[in-house]
Amino acid sequence: MISKGKTIAWLTDEAQKWVNSYVRHRDSAKGWFVCISCQELKSVRQMNAGHYFAKEFYKSVRFDVDNIHGQCVRCNKYLSGNLIPYRENLLIKIGEGIYIRV
């Protein structure tokens, strides 16, 4: 346990909420965003903060904002991240030098 009865799991979940909120804000404008995978313009109500390297398996980049981008619910949840177009668009967005660092 950490001070004031907060567990590491709770603190990790709280940190993830703040990082995801930042990503949603960064990748949207006036209530709209373009999905990193399918490149479709969608309402922010359909937006997830999608990780390229899954947070469950790649703990070292869980909070790295170069690894997290606005992604629609369809691509993130129902297409398991739709990773092939995600990678192509990620390289365009952040560049290969940063991608390799992540």
PDB file of N, CA and C in Angstrom:
ATOM      1  N   MET A   1       0.823  -1.185   0.000  1.00  0.00           N
ATOM      2  CA  MET A   1       0.000   0.000   0.000  1.00  0.00           C
ATOM      3  C   MET A   1       0.871   1.253   0.000  1.00  0.00           C
ATOM      4  N   ILE A   2       0.370   2.256  -0.682  1.00  0.00           N
ATOM      5  CA  ILE A   2       1.010   3.565  -0.707  1.00  0.00           C
ATOM      6  C   ILE A   2       0.276   4.452   0.308  1.00  0.00           C
ATOM      7  N   SER A   3       0.823   5.604   0.595  1.00  0.00           N
ATOM      8  CA  SER A   3       0.201   6.499   1.564  1.00  0.00           C
ATOM      9  C   SER A   3      -1.274   6.755   1.257  1.00  0.00           C
ATOM     10  N   LYS A   4      -2.023   6.996   2.319  1.00  0.00           N
ATOM     11  CA  LYS A   4      -3.456   7.308   2.248  1.00  0.00           C
ATOM     12  C   LYS A   4      -4.271   6.170   1.642  1.00  0.00           C
ATOM     13  N   GLY A   5      -3.803   4.934   1.765  1.00  0.00           N
ATOM     14  CA  GLY A   5      -4.581   3.774   1.348  1.00  0.00           C
ATOM     15  C   GLY A   5      -4.680   3.554  -0.145  1.00  0.00           C
ATOM     16  N   LYS A   6      -3.838   4.195  -0.943  1.00  0.00           N
ATOM     17  CA  LYS A   6      -3.896   4.040  -2.400  1.00  0.00           C
ATOM     18  C   LYS A   6      -2.896   2.972  -2.837  1.00  0.00           C
ATOM     19  N   THR A   7      -3.348   2.026  -3.618  1.00  0.00           N
ATOM     20  CA  THR A   7      -2.474   0.959  -4.096  1.00  0.00           C
ATOM     21  C   THR A   7      -1.756   1.398  -5.371  1.00  0.00           C
ATOM     22  N   ILE A   8      -0.719   0.674  -5.726  1.00  0.00           N
ATOM     23  CA  ILE A   8      -0.008   0.950  -6.972  1.00  0.00           C
ATOM     24  C   ILE A   8      -0.954   0.772  -8.159  1.00  0.00           C
ATOM     25  N   ALA A   9      -1.811  -0.237  -8.105  1.00  0.00           N
ATOM     26  CA  ALA A   9      -2.777  -0.462  -9.197  1.00  0.00           C
ATOM     27  C   ALA A   9      -3.706   0.743  -9.344  1.00  0.00           C
ATOM     28  N   TRP A  10      -4.184   1.277  -8.235  1.00  0.00           N
ATOM     29  CA  TRP A  10      -5.075   2.437  -8.287  1.00  0.00           C
ATOM     30  C   TRP A  10      -4.348   3.640  -8.865  1.00  0.00           C
ATOM     31  N   LEU A  11      -3.113   3.886  -8.395  1.00  0.00           N
ATOM     32  CA  LEU A  11      -2.333   5.010  -8.897  1.00  0.00           C
ATOM     33  C   LEU A  11      -2.026   4.859 -10.388  1.00  0.00           C
ATOM     34  N   THR A  12      -1.740   3.647 -10.831  1.00  0.00           N
ATOM     35  CA  THR A  12      -1.483   3.381 -12.251  1.00  0.00           C
ATOM     36  C   THR A  12      -2.723   3.677 -13.084  1.00  0.00           C
ATOM     37  N   ASP A  13      -3.879   3.239 -12.607  1.00  0.00           N
ATOM     38  CA  ASP A  13      -5.138   3.517 -13.319  1.00  0.00           C
ATOM     39  C   ASP A  13      -5.418   5.014 -13.388  1.00  0.00           C
ATOM     40  N   GLU A  14      -5.163   5.729 -12.309  1.00  0.00           N
ATOM     41  CA  GLU A  14      -5.361   7.183 -12.292  1.00  0.00           C
ATOM     42  C   GLU A  14      -4.416   7.865 -13.283  1.00  0.00           C
ATOM     43  N   ALA A  15      -3.158   7.455 -13.290  1.00  0.00           N
ATOM     44  CA  ALA A  15      -2.191   8.033 -14.236  1.00  0.00           C
ATOM     45  C   ALA A  15      -2.630   7.762 -15.669  1.00  0.00           C
ATOM     46  N   GLN A  16      -3.141   6.551 -15.944  1.00  0.00           N
ATOM     47  CA  GLN A  16      -3.592   6.217 -17.292  1.00  0.00           C
ATOM     48  C   GLN A  16      -4.765   7.100 -17.710  1.00  0.00           C
ATOM     49  N   LYS A  17      -5.680   7.368 -16.796  1.00  0.00           N
ATOM     50  CA  LYS A  17      -6.820   8.258 -17.100  1.00  0.00           C
ATOM     51  C   LYS A  17      -6.335   9.642 -17.508  1.00  0.00           C
ATOM     52  N   TRP A  18      -5.332  10.182 -16.774  1.00  0.00           N
ATOM     53  CA  TRP A  18      -4.821  11.522 -17.087  1.00  0.00           C
ATOM     54  C   TRP A  18      -4.085  11.541 -18.423  1.00  0.00           C
ATOM     55  N   VAL A  19      -3.283  10.525 -18.686  1.00  0.00           N
ATOM     56  CA  VAL A  19      -2.560  10.453 -19.960  1.00  0.00           C
ATOM     57  C   VAL A  19      -3.543  10.310 -21.110  1.00  0.00           C
ATOM     58  N   ASN A  20      -4.541   9.432 -20.957  1.00  0.00           N
ATOM     59  CA  ASN A  20      -5.550   9.251 -22.002  1.00  0.00           C
ATOM     60  C   ASN A  20      -6.323  10.541 -22.257  1.00  0.00           C
ATOM     61  N   SER A  21      -6.638  11.264 -21.200  1.00  0.00           N
ATOM     62  CA  SER A  21      -7.333  12.545 -21.342  1.00  0.00           C
ATOM     63  C   SER A  21      -6.478  13.533 -22.130  1.00  0.00           C
ATOM     64  N   TYR A  22      -5.190  13.584 -21.821  1.00  0.00           N
ATOM     65  CA  TYR A  22      -4.275  14.457 -22.556  1.00  0.00           C
ATOM     66  C   TYR A  22      -4.258  14.103 -24.043  1.00  0.00           C
ATOM     67  N   VAL A  23      -4.157  12.815 -24.356  1.00  0.00           N
ATOM     68  CA  VAL A  23      -4.105  12.361 -25.751  1.00  0.00           C
ATOM     69  C   VAL A  23      -5.398  12.719 -26.484  1.00  0.00           C
ATOM     70  N   ARG A  24      -6.535  12.518 -25.836  1.00  0.00           N
ATOM     71  CA  ARG A  24      -7.815  12.873 -26.464  1.00  0.00           C
ATOM     72  C   ARG A  24      -7.870  14.367 -26.773  1.00  0.00           C
ATOM     73  N   HIS A  25      -7.376  15.175 -25.855  1.00  0.00           N
ATOM     74  CA  HIS A  25      -7.351  16.621 -26.073  1.00  0.00           C
ATOM     75  C   HIS A  25      -6.366  16.976 -27.198  1.00  0.00           C
ATOM     76  N   ARG A  26      -5.170  16.396 -27.159  1.00  0.00           N
ATOM     77  CA  ARG A  26      -4.124  16.684 -28.155  1.00  0.00           C
ATOM     78  C   ARG A  26      -4.584  16.323 -29.573  1.00  0.00           C
ATOM     79  N   ASP A  27      -5.289  15.200 -29.714  1.00  0.00           N
ATOM     80  CA  ASP A  27      -5.616  14.678 -31.040  1.00  0.00           C
ATOM     81  C   ASP A  27      -7.006  15.048 -31.539  1.00  0.00           C
ATOM     82  N   SER A  28      -7.653  16.007 -30.905  1.00  0.00           N
ATOM     83  CA  SER A  28      -8.993  16.407 -31.351  1.00  0.00           C
ATOM     84  C   SER A  28      -9.070  17.923 -31.479  1.00  0.00           C
ATOM     85  N   ALA A  29     -10.077  18.345 -32.226  1.00  0.00           N
ATOM     86  CA  ALA A  29     -10.346  19.773 -32.382  1.00  0.00           C
ATOM     87  C   ALA A  29     -11.842  19.972 -32.602  1.00  0.00           C
ATOM     88  N   LYS A  30     -12.415  20.831 -31.799  1.00  0.00           N
ATOM     89  CA  LYS A  30     -13.822  21.216 -31.944  1.00  0.00           C
ATOM     90  C   LYS A  30     -14.758  20.011 -31.995  1.00  0.00           C
ATOM     91  N   GLY A  31     -14.467  19.004 -31.176  1.00  0.00           N
ATOM     92  CA  GLY A  31     -15.350  17.849 -31.071  1.00  0.00           C
ATOM     93  C   GLY A  31     -15.122  16.762 -32.105  1.00  0.00           C
ATOM     94  N   TRP A  32     -14.053  16.861 -32.885  1.00  0.00           N
ATOM     95  CA  TRP A  32     -13.774  15.891 -33.949  1.00  0.00           C
ATOM     96  C   TRP A  32     -12.326  15.428 -33.881  1.00  0.00           C
ATOM     97  N   PHE A  33     -12.069  14.258 -34.451  1.00  0.00           N
ATOM     98  CA  PHE A  33     -10.702  13.760 -34.549  1.00  0.00           C
ATOM     99  C   PHE A  33     -10.594  12.843 -35.762  1.00  0.00           C
ATOM    100  N   VAL A  34      -9.364  12.612 -36.204  1.00  0.00           N
ATOM    101  CA  VAL A  34      -9.090  11.668 -37.283  1.00  0.00           C
ATOM    102  C   VAL A  34      -8.417  10.456 -36.651  1.00  0.00           C
ATOM    103  N   CYS A  35      -9.007   9.290 -36.839  1.00  0.00           N
ATOM    104  CA  CYS A  35      -8.481   8.051 -36.274  1.00  0.00           C
ATOM    105  C   CYS A  35      -7.093   7.762 -36.856  1.00  0.00           C
ATOM    106  N   ILE A  36      -6.130   7.433 -35.988  1.00  0.00           N
ATOM    107  CA  ILE A  36      -4.766   7.128 -36.411  1.00  0.00           C
ATOM    108  C   ILE A  36      -4.730   5.917 -37.342  1.00  0.00           C
ATOM    109  N   SER A  37      -5.677   5.005 -37.221  1.00  0.00           N
ATOM    110  CA  SER A  37      -5.668   3.793 -38.043  1.00  0.00           C
ATOM    111  C   SER A  37      -6.441   3.945 -39.346  1.00  0.00           C
ATOM    112  N   CYS A  38      -7.744   4.192 -39.260  1.00  0.00           N
ATOM    113  CA  CYS A  38      -8.577   4.213 -40.468  1.00  0.00           C
ATOM    114  C   CYS A  38      -8.604   5.576 -41.148  1.00  0.00           C
ATOM    115  N   GLN A  39      -8.083   6.607 -40.473  1.00  0.00           N
ATOM    116  CA  GLN A  39      -8.009   7.964 -41.013  1.00  0.00           C
ATOM    117  C   GLN A  39      -9.373   8.590 -41.281  1.00  0.00           C
ATOM    118  N   GLU A  40     -10.419   8.075 -40.639  1.00  0.00           N
ATOM    119  CA  GLU A  40     -11.754   8.647 -40.797  1.00  0.00           C
ATOM    120  C   GLU A  40     -11.973   9.749 -39.762  1.00  0.00           C
ATOM    121  N   LEU A  41     -12.662  10.803 -40.187  1.00  0.00           N
ATOM    122  CA  LEU A  41     -13.050  11.885 -39.301  1.00  0.00           C
ATOM    123  C   LEU A  41     -14.248  11.418 -38.484  1.00  0.00           C
ATOM    124  N   LYS A  42     -14.129  11.503 -37.161  1.00  0.00           N
ATOM    125  CA  LYS A  42     -15.189  11.007 -36.293  1.00  0.00           C
ATOM    126  C   LYS A  42     -15.371  11.937 -35.100  1.00  0.00           C
ATOM    127  N   SER A  43     -16.529  11.815 -34.485  1.00  0.00           N
ATOM    128  CA  SER A  43     -16.828  12.569 -33.275  1.00  0.00           C
ATOM    129  C   SER A  43     -15.950  12.073 -32.126  1.00  0.00           C
ATOM    130  N   VAL A  44     -15.569  12.979 -31.226  1.00  0.00           N
ATOM    131  CA  VAL A  44     -14.760  12.573 -30.077  1.00  0.00           C
ATOM    132  C   VAL A  44     -15.493  11.571 -29.185  1.00  0.00           C
ATOM    133  N   ARG A  45     -16.807  11.471 -29.317  1.00  0.00           N
ATOM    134  CA  ARG A  45     -17.550  10.457 -28.558  1.00  0.00           C
ATOM    135  C   ARG A  45     -17.156   9.050 -28.990  1.00  0.00           C
ATOM    136  N   GLN A  46     -16.542   8.911 -30.175  1.00  0.00           N
ATOM    137  CA  GLN A  46     -16.105   7.613 -30.682  1.00  0.00           C
ATOM    138  C   GLN A  46     -14.598   7.415 -30.503  1.00  0.00           C
ATOM    139  N   MET A  47     -13.980   8.249 -29.683  1.00  0.00           N
ATOM    140  CA  MET A  47     -12.529   8.258 -29.579  1.00  0.00           C
ATOM    141  C   MET A  47     -12.015   7.494 -28.361  1.00  0.00           C
ATOM    142  N   ASN A  48     -11.017   6.664 -28.599  1.00  0.00           N
ATOM    143  CA  ASN A  48     -10.226   6.030 -27.544  1.00  0.00           C
ATOM    144  C   ASN A  48      -8.811   6.570 -27.637  1.00  0.00           C
ATOM    145  N   ALA A  49      -8.066   6.414 -26.573  1.00  0.00           N
ATOM    146  CA  ALA A  49      -6.628   6.680 -26.606  1.00  0.00           C
ATOM    147  C   ALA A  49      -5.980   5.322 -26.861  1.00  0.00           C
ATOM    148  N   GLY A  50      -5.682   5.049 -28.123  1.00  0.00           N
ATOM    149  CA  GLY A  50      -5.198   3.731 -28.517  1.00  0.00           C
ATOM    150  C   GLY A  50      -3.684   3.615 -28.448  1.00  0.00           C
ATOM    151  N   HIS A  51      -3.210   2.559 -27.810  1.00  0.00           N
ATOM    152  CA  HIS A  51      -1.779   2.291 -27.702  1.00  0.00           C
ATOM    153  C   HIS A  51      -1.318   1.457 -28.890  1.00  0.00           C
ATOM    154  N   TYR A  52      -0.197   1.843 -29.528  1.00  0.00           N
ATOM    155  CA  TYR A  52       0.369   1.002 -30.582  1.00  0.00           C
ATOM    156  C   TYR A  52       0.984  -0.240 -29.944  1.00  0.00           C
ATOM    157  N   PHE A  53       1.876  -0.041 -28.983  1.00  0.00           N
ATOM    158  CA  PHE A  53       2.410  -1.160 -28.209  1.00  0.00           C
ATOM    159  C   PHE A  53       1.500  -1.316 -26.995  1.00  0.00           C
ATOM    160  N   ALA A  54       0.828  -2.446 -26.898  1.00  0.00           N
ATOM    161  CA  ALA A  54      -0.198  -2.663 -25.876  1.00  0.00           C
ATOM    162  C   ALA A  54       0.323  -2.407 -24.470  1.00  0.00           C
ATOM    163  N   LYS A  55      -0.437  -1.646 -23.706  1.00  0.00           N
ATOM    164  CA  LYS A  55      -0.023  -1.279 -22.346  1.00  0.00           C
ATOM    165  C   LYS A  55       0.087  -2.493 -21.432  1.00  0.00           C
ATOM    166  N   GLU A  56      -0.636  -3.552 -21.728  1.00  0.00           N
ATOM    167  CA  GLU A  56      -0.589  -4.749 -20.893  1.00  0.00           C
ATOM    168  C   GLU A  56       0.739  -5.505 -21.039  1.00  0.00           C
ATOM    169  N   PHE A  57       1.365  -5.383 -22.196  1.00  0.00           N
ATOM    170  CA  PHE A  57       2.571  -6.158 -22.473  1.00  0.00           C
ATOM    171  C   PHE A  57       3.841  -5.310 -22.538  1.00  0.00           C
ATOM    172  N   TYR A  58       3.721  -4.031 -22.811  1.00  0.00           N
ATOM    173  CA  TYR A  58       4.868  -3.140 -22.949  1.00  0.00           C
ATOM    174  C   TYR A  58       4.776  -2.035 -21.900  1.00  0.00           C
ATOM    175  N   LYS A  59       5.016  -2.414 -20.664  1.00  0.00           N
ATOM    176  CA  LYS A  59       4.848  -1.486 -19.529  1.00  0.00           C
ATOM    177  C   LYS A  59       5.750  -0.254 -19.635  1.00  0.00           C
ATOM    178  N   SER A  60       6.904  -0.392 -20.288  1.00  0.00           N
ATOM    179  CA  SER A  60       7.849   0.727 -20.356  1.00  0.00           C
ATOM    180  C   SER A  60       7.334   1.887 -21.200  1.00  0.00           C
ATOM    181  N   VAL A  61       6.363   1.639 -22.083  1.00  0.00           N
ATOM    182  CA  VAL A  61       5.828   2.722 -22.914  1.00  0.00           C
ATOM    183  C   VAL A  61       4.336   2.955 -22.663  1.00  0.00           C
ATOM    184  N   ARG A  62       3.844   2.427 -21.559  1.00  0.00           N
ATOM    185  CA  ARG A  62       2.428   2.566 -21.224  1.00  0.00           C
ATOM    186  C   ARG A  62       1.981   4.028 -21.200  1.00  0.00           C
ATOM    187  N   PHE A  63       2.812   4.921 -20.672  1.00  0.00           N
ATOM    188  CA  PHE A  63       2.451   6.329 -20.537  1.00  0.00           C
ATOM    189  C   PHE A  63       3.169   7.221 -21.544  1.00  0.00           C
ATOM    190  N   ASP A  64       3.870   6.646 -22.493  1.00  0.00           N
ATOM    191  CA  ASP A  64       4.604   7.409 -23.510  1.00  0.00           C
ATOM    192  C   ASP A  64       3.607   7.929 -24.546  1.00  0.00           C
ATOM    193  N   VAL A  65       3.455   9.243 -24.610  1.00  0.00           N
ATOM    194  CA  VAL A  65       2.443   9.818 -25.499  1.00  0.00           C
ATOM    195  C   VAL A  65       2.783   9.645 -26.978  1.00  0.00           C
ATOM    196  N   ASP A  66       4.007   9.250 -27.310  1.00  0.00           N
ATOM    197  CA  ASP A  66       4.319   8.909 -28.699  1.00  0.00           C
ATOM    198  C   ASP A  66       3.774   7.527 -29.061  1.00  0.00           C
ATOM    199  N   ASN A  67       3.382   6.746 -28.060  1.00  0.00           N
ATOM    200  CA  ASN A  67       2.818   5.415 -28.266  1.00  0.00           C
ATOM    201  C   ASN A  67       1.292   5.413 -28.193  1.00  0.00           C
ATOM    202  N   ILE A  68       0.694   6.552 -27.875  1.00  0.00           N
ATOM    203  CA  ILE A  68      -0.758   6.626 -27.670  1.00  0.00           C
ATOM    204  C   ILE A  68      -1.330   7.715 -28.573  1.00  0.00           C
ATOM    205  N   HIS A  69      -2.371   7.355 -29.340  1.00  0.00           N
ATOM    206  CA  HIS A  69      -2.959   8.309 -30.281  1.00  0.00           C
ATOM    207  C   HIS A  69      -4.463   8.119 -30.354  1.00  0.00           C
ATOM    208  N   GLY A  70      -5.133   9.177 -30.820  1.00  0.00           N
ATOM    209  CA  GLY A  70      -6.575   9.115 -30.974  1.00  0.00           C
ATOM    210  C   GLY A  70      -6.954   8.025 -31.967  1.00  0.00           C
ATOM    211  N   GLN A  71      -7.779   7.108 -31.501  1.00  0.00           N
ATOM    212  CA  GLN A  71      -8.189   5.968 -32.317  1.00  0.00           C
ATOM    213  C   GLN A  71      -9.672   5.722 -32.087  1.00  0.00           C
ATOM    214  N   CYS A  72     -10.380   5.401 -33.142  1.00  0.00           N
ATOM    215  CA  CYS A  72     -11.822   5.164 -32.992  1.00  0.00           C
ATOM    216  C   CYS A  72     -12.063   3.830 -32.278  1.00  0.00           C
ATOM    217  N   VAL A  73     -13.212   3.734 -31.653  1.00  0.00           N
ATOM    218  CA  VAL A  73     -13.588   2.529 -30.917  1.00  0.00           C
ATOM    219  C   VAL A  73     -13.540   1.312 -31.831  1.00  0.00           C
ATOM    220  N   ARG A  74     -14.003   1.465 -33.061  1.00  0.00           N
ATOM    221  CA  ARG A  74     -14.024   0.338 -34.006  1.00  0.00           C
ATOM    222  C   ARG A  74     -12.620  -0.220 -34.215  1.00  0.00           C
ATOM    223  N   CYS A  75     -11.671   0.636 -34.529  1.00  0.00           N
ATOM    224  CA  CYS A  75     -10.296   0.173 -34.770  1.00  0.00           C
ATOM    225  C   CYS A  75      -9.652  -0.353 -33.499  1.00  0.00           C
ATOM    226  N   ASN A  76      -9.837   0.346 -32.396  1.00  0.00           N
ATOM    227  CA  ASN A  76      -9.169  -0.026 -31.155  1.00  0.00           C
ATOM    228  C   ASN A  76      -9.718  -1.323 -30.568  1.00  0.00           C
ATOM    229  N   LYS A  77     -11.018  -1.422 -30.463  1.00  0.00           N
ATOM    230  CA  LYS A  77     -11.606  -2.567 -29.768  1.00  0.00           C
ATOM    231  C   LYS A  77     -12.018  -3.699 -30.693  1.00  0.00           C
ATOM    232  N   TYR A  78     -12.668  -3.377 -31.786  1.00  0.00           N
ATOM    233  CA  TYR A  78     -13.230  -4.427 -32.630  1.00  0.00           C
ATOM    234  C   TYR A  78     -12.275  -4.934 -33.705  1.00  0.00           C
ATOM    235  N   LEU A  79     -11.247  -4.140 -34.014  1.00  0.00           N
ATOM    236  CA  LEU A  79     -10.231  -4.572 -34.978  1.00  0.00           C
ATOM    237  C   LEU A  79      -8.873  -4.783 -34.290  1.00  0.00           C
ATOM    238  N   SER A  80      -8.900  -4.964 -32.981  1.00  0.00           N
ATOM    239  CA  SER A  80      -7.701  -5.255 -32.181  1.00  0.00           C
ATOM    240  C   SER A  80      -6.574  -4.250 -32.413  1.00  0.00           C
ATOM    241  N   GLY A  81      -6.929  -2.994 -32.552  1.00  0.00           N
ATOM    242  CA  GLY A  81      -5.946  -1.937 -32.736  1.00  0.00           C
ATOM    243  C   GLY A  81      -5.698  -1.570 -34.185  1.00  0.00           C
ATOM    244  N   ASN A  82      -6.153  -2.421 -35.123  1.00  0.00           N
ATOM    245  CA  ASN A  82      -5.955  -2.151 -36.559  1.00  0.00           C
ATOM    246  C   ASN A  82      -4.510  -1.680 -36.782  1.00  0.00           C
ATOM    247  N   LEU A  83      -3.560  -2.519 -36.378  1.00  0.00           N
ATOM    248  CA  LEU A  83      -2.169  -2.115 -36.212  1.00  0.00           C
ATOM    249  C   LEU A  83      -1.391  -1.852 -37.491  1.00  0.00           C
ATOM    250  N   ILE A  84      -1.733  -2.479 -38.606  1.00  0.00           N
ATOM    251  CA  ILE A  84      -0.957  -2.234 -39.835  1.00  0.00           C
ATOM    252  C   ILE A  84      -1.121  -0.782 -40.296  1.00  0.00           C
ATOM    253  N   PRO A  85      -2.364  -0.284 -40.467  1.00  0.00           N
ATOM    254  CA  PRO A  85      -2.473   1.135 -40.830  1.00  0.00           C
ATOM    255  C   PRO A  85      -2.060   2.064 -39.684  1.00  0.00           C
ATOM    256  N   TYR A  86      -2.230   1.612 -38.431  1.00  0.00           N
ATOM    257  CA  TYR A  86      -1.774   2.416 -37.291  1.00  0.00           C
ATOM    258  C   TYR A  86      -0.278   2.681 -37.448  1.00  0.00           C
ATOM    259  N   ARG A  87       0.515   1.635 -37.715  1.00  0.00           N
ATOM    260  CA  ARG A  87       1.962   1.783 -37.856  1.00  0.00           C
ATOM    261  C   ARG A  87       2.317   2.729 -39.009  1.00  0.00           C
ATOM    262  N   GLU A  88       1.662   2.540 -40.146  1.00  0.00           N
ATOM    263  CA  GLU A  88       1.942   3.394 -41.313  1.00  0.00           C
ATOM    264  C   GLU A  88       1.685   4.863 -40.988  1.00  0.00           C
ATOM    265  N   ASN A  89       0.566   5.148 -40.363  1.00  0.00           N
ATOM    266  CA  ASN A  89       0.205   6.526 -40.025  1.00  0.00           C
ATOM    267  C   ASN A  89       1.011   7.070 -38.848  1.00  0.00           C
ATOM    268  N   LEU A  90       1.410   6.190 -37.948  1.00  0.00           N
ATOM    269  CA  LEU A  90       2.255   6.595 -36.833  1.00  0.00           C
ATOM    270  C   LEU A  90       3.616   7.070 -37.337  1.00  0.00           C
ATOM    271  N   LEU A  91       4.182   6.352 -38.291  1.00  0.00           N
ATOM    272  CA  LEU A  91       5.472   6.757 -38.864  1.00  0.00           C
ATOM    273  C   LEU A  91       5.373   8.122 -39.535  1.00  0.00           C
ATOM    274  N   ILE A  92       4.247   8.387 -40.193  1.00  0.00           N
ATOM    275  CA  ILE A  92       4.033   9.693 -40.818  1.00  0.00           C
ATOM    276  C   ILE A  92       3.891  10.771 -39.739  1.00  0.00           C
ATOM    277  N   LYS A  93       3.160  10.456 -38.685  1.00  0.00           N
ATOM    278  CA  LYS A  93       2.862  11.448 -37.648  1.00  0.00           C
ATOM    279  C   LYS A  93       4.074  11.790 -36.784  1.00  0.00           C
ATOM    280  N   ILE A  94       4.806  10.791 -36.312  1.00  0.00           N
ATOM    281  CA  ILE A  94       5.898  11.068 -35.372  1.00  0.00           C
ATOM    282  C   ILE A  94       7.286  10.852 -35.960  1.00  0.00           C
ATOM    283  N   GLY A  95       7.384  10.169 -37.092  1.00  0.00           N
ATOM    284  CA  GLY A  95       8.681   9.923 -37.713  1.00  0.00           C
ATOM    285  C   GLY A  95       9.339   8.645 -37.221  1.00  0.00           C
ATOM    286  N   GLU A  96      10.191   8.099 -38.049  1.00  0.00           N
ATOM    287  CA  GLU A  96      10.826   6.810 -37.727  1.00  0.00           C
ATOM    288  C   GLU A  96      11.774   6.918 -36.536  1.00  0.00           C
ATOM    289  N   GLY A  97      12.478   8.039 -36.404  1.00  0.00           N
ATOM    290  CA  GLY A  97      13.401   8.200 -35.288  1.00  0.00           C
ATOM    291  C   GLY A  97      12.730   8.102 -33.941  1.00  0.00           C
ATOM    292  N   ILE A  98      11.561   8.706 -33.806  1.00  0.00           N
ATOM    293  CA  ILE A  98      10.814   8.639 -32.544  1.00  0.00           C
ATOM    294  C   ILE A  98      10.172   7.273 -32.402  1.00  0.00           C
ATOM    295  N   TYR A  99       9.677   6.695 -33.491  1.00  0.00           N
ATOM    296  CA  TYR A  99       9.032   5.381 -33.456  1.00  0.00           C
ATOM    297  C   TYR A  99      10.006   4.328 -32.916  1.00  0.00           C
ATOM    298  N   ILE A 100      11.242   4.368 -33.375  1.00  0.00           N
ATOM    299  CA  ILE A 100      12.242   3.401 -32.929  1.00  0.00           C
ATOM    300  C   ILE A 100      12.529   3.585 -31.437  1.00  0.00           C
ATOM    301  N   ARG A 101      12.510   4.825 -30.974  1.00  0.00           N
ATOM    302  CA  ARG A 101      12.728   5.113 -29.552  1.00  0.00           C
ATOM    303  C   ARG A 101      11.633   4.524 -28.670  1.00  0.00           C
ATOM    304  N   VAL A 102      10.395   4.566 -29.185  1.00  0.00           N
ATOM    305  CA  VAL A 102       9.269   4.066 -28.409  1.00  0.00           C
ATOM    306  C   VAL A 102       9.445   2.579 -28.250  1.00  0.00           C
TER     307      VAL A 102
END
